[in-house]
Amino acid sequence: MGSKLLSRAEELVLLAVWHLQGDAYGVQIRKHLQQVTGEDWAIGSVYVPLDRMAKRRLLSSYQGEPTAERGGRSKRYYKLTPKGIAALQEVQRVQQAMWASFPKLTLGTG
């Protein structure tokens, strides 16, 4: 691919965006990450990678319509770009290659 690999947080955020499709905005991305990982994600740990990856053009974003429940504010939605999909494919390829050279992990007596 030629560019640096995604960090683990970037990978998980991109996967959450992909999973959520048209409903990928900050709060929903955070909720999804918390459900999948079982960890508490600070809102900054979601928005910082989103902003960084949007600048790298791995994601595109757009403002939704203002909503009454948000006091007239609109949500920013995110979508994977072809470059973002390629970055996920590359990290998947590298992980599969790394894991392929190891025997199955089991709890042993050491």
Protein backbone atom coordinates (compact mmCIF):
# COMPACT_ATOMS: atom_id res chain seq x y z
CA MET A 1 0.00 0.00 0.00
CA GLY A 2 2.91 2.33 0.59
CA SER A 3 1.53 4.28 3.55
CA LYS A 4 1.75 3.52 7.23
CA LEU A 5 -0.52 0.92 8.75
CA LEU A 6 -3.53 1.99 10.76
CA SER A 7 -3.24 2.08 14.53
CA ARG A 8 -5.48 -0.38 16.36
CA ALA A 9 -7.83 2.45 17.43
CA GLU A 10 -8.02 3.74 13.83
CA GLU A 11 -8.79 0.24 12.59
CA LEU A 12 -11.58 -0.24 15.12
CA VAL A 13 -13.09 3.19 14.40
CA LEU A 14 -13.02 2.53 10.63
CA LEU A 15 -14.63 -0.87 11.15
CA ALA A 16 -17.34 0.74 13.28
CA VAL A 17 -18.02 3.33 10.55
CA TRP A 18 -18.26 0.54 7.99
CA HIS A 19 -20.59 -1.48 10.21
CA LEU A 20 -22.90 1.47 10.93
CA GLN A 21 -23.08 2.55 7.28
CA GLY A 22 -25.45 5.56 7.00
CA ASP A 23 -25.79 5.90 10.79
CA ALA A 24 -22.08 6.47 11.50
CA TYR A 25 -21.83 9.57 13.66
CA GLY A 26 -19.72 10.09 16.78
CA VAL A 27 -22.12 8.91 19.50
CA GLN A 28 -23.23 5.83 17.54
CA ILE A 29 -19.62 4.95 16.66
CA ARG A 30 -18.71 5.18 20.35
CA LYS A 31 -21.68 3.03 21.40
CA HIS A 32 -20.77 0.39 18.82
CA LEU A 33 -17.14 0.32 19.93
CA GLN A 34 -18.19 -0.05 23.57
CA GLN A 35 -20.56 -2.91 22.72
CA VAL A 36 -17.99 -4.80 20.67
CA THR A 37 -14.92 -4.26 22.87
CA GLY A 38 -16.59 -4.17 26.28
CA GLU A 39 -14.42 -1.13 27.05
CA ASP A 40 -15.42 2.44 27.86
CA TRP A 41 -14.36 4.72 25.01
CA ALA A 42 -13.88 8.38 25.86
CA ILE A 43 -15.56 10.57 23.27
CA GLY A 44 -12.15 12.08 22.40
CA SER A 45 -10.80 8.60 21.63
CA VAL A 46 -13.42 8.44 18.89
CA TYR A 47 -13.35 12.00 17.52
CA VAL A 48 -9.56 12.41 17.41
CA PRO A 49 -9.06 9.40 15.09
CA LEU A 50 -12.14 10.41 13.06
CA ASP A 51 -10.67 13.87 12.45
CA ARG A 52 -7.20 12.49 11.72
CA MET A 53 -8.52 9.91 9.26
CA ALA A 54 -10.77 12.45 7.55
CA LYS A 55 -7.67 14.62 6.98
CA ARG A 56 -5.89 11.57 5.52
CA ARG A 57 -8.95 11.05 3.28
CA LEU A 58 -9.70 7.60 4.70
CA LEU A 59 -13.15 8.93 5.60
CA SER A 60 -15.48 11.49 4.17
CA SER A 61 -17.99 13.35 6.31
CA TYR A 62 -21.10 15.43 5.91
CA GLN A 63 -23.51 17.35 8.13
CA GLY A 64 -26.95 15.85 8.64
CA GLU A 65 -30.11 17.88 9.03
CA PRO A 66 -30.59 19.80 12.31
CA THR A 67 -32.77 17.87 14.76
CA ALA A 68 -35.06 19.11 17.54
CA GLU A 69 -33.74 16.55 20.04
CA ARG A 70 -30.25 18.03 19.60
CA GLY A 71 -31.45 21.60 20.13
CA GLY A 72 -31.34 22.35 16.41
CA ARG A 73 -27.78 21.06 15.97
CA SER A 74 -26.90 18.63 13.22
CA LYS A 75 -24.86 15.43 13.40
CA ARG A 76 -21.65 14.86 11.43
CA TYR A 77 -21.84 11.54 9.60
CA TYR A 78 -18.83 9.58 8.37
CA LYS A 79 -18.34 7.21 5.45
CA LEU A 80 -15.38 5.12 4.31
CA THR A 81 -13.62 6.29 1.16
CA PRO A 82 -11.93 3.91 -1.28
CA LYS A 83 -8.64 4.87 0.42
CA GLY A 84 -10.12 3.91 3.81
CA ILE A 85 -11.29 0.56 2.47
CA ALA A 86 -7.81 -0.07 1.06
CA ALA A 87 -6.26 0.78 4.45
CA LEU A 88 -8.52 -1.76 6.18
CA GLN A 89 -7.72 -4.38 3.54
CA GLU A 90 -4.00 -3.80 4.08
CA VAL A 91 -4.18 -4.15 7.86
CA GLN A 92 -6.28 -7.31 7.43
CA ARG A 93 -3.71 -8.74 4.98
CA VAL A 94 -0.82 -8.02 7.36
CA GLN A 95 -2.64 -9.50 10.37
CA GLN A 96 -3.54 -12.66 8.46
CA ALA A 97 0.06 -13.05 7.28
CA MET A 98 1.39 -12.59 10.82
CA TRP A 99 -1.10 -15.01 12.40
CA ALA A 100 -0.58 -17.61 9.67
CA SER A 101 2.97 -18.29 10.86
CA PHE A 102 1.88 -19.14 14.43
CA PRO A 103 0.35 -22.32 15.79
CA LYS A 104 -3.11 -22.07 17.32
CA LEU A 105 -3.02 -20.23 20.66
CA THR A 106 -3.96 -22.45 23.56
CA LEU A 107 -3.56 -22.26 27.29
CA GLY A 108 -0.71 -24.60 28.03
CA THR A 109 1.17 -25.68 31.06
CA GLY A 110 4.20 -23.83 29.74
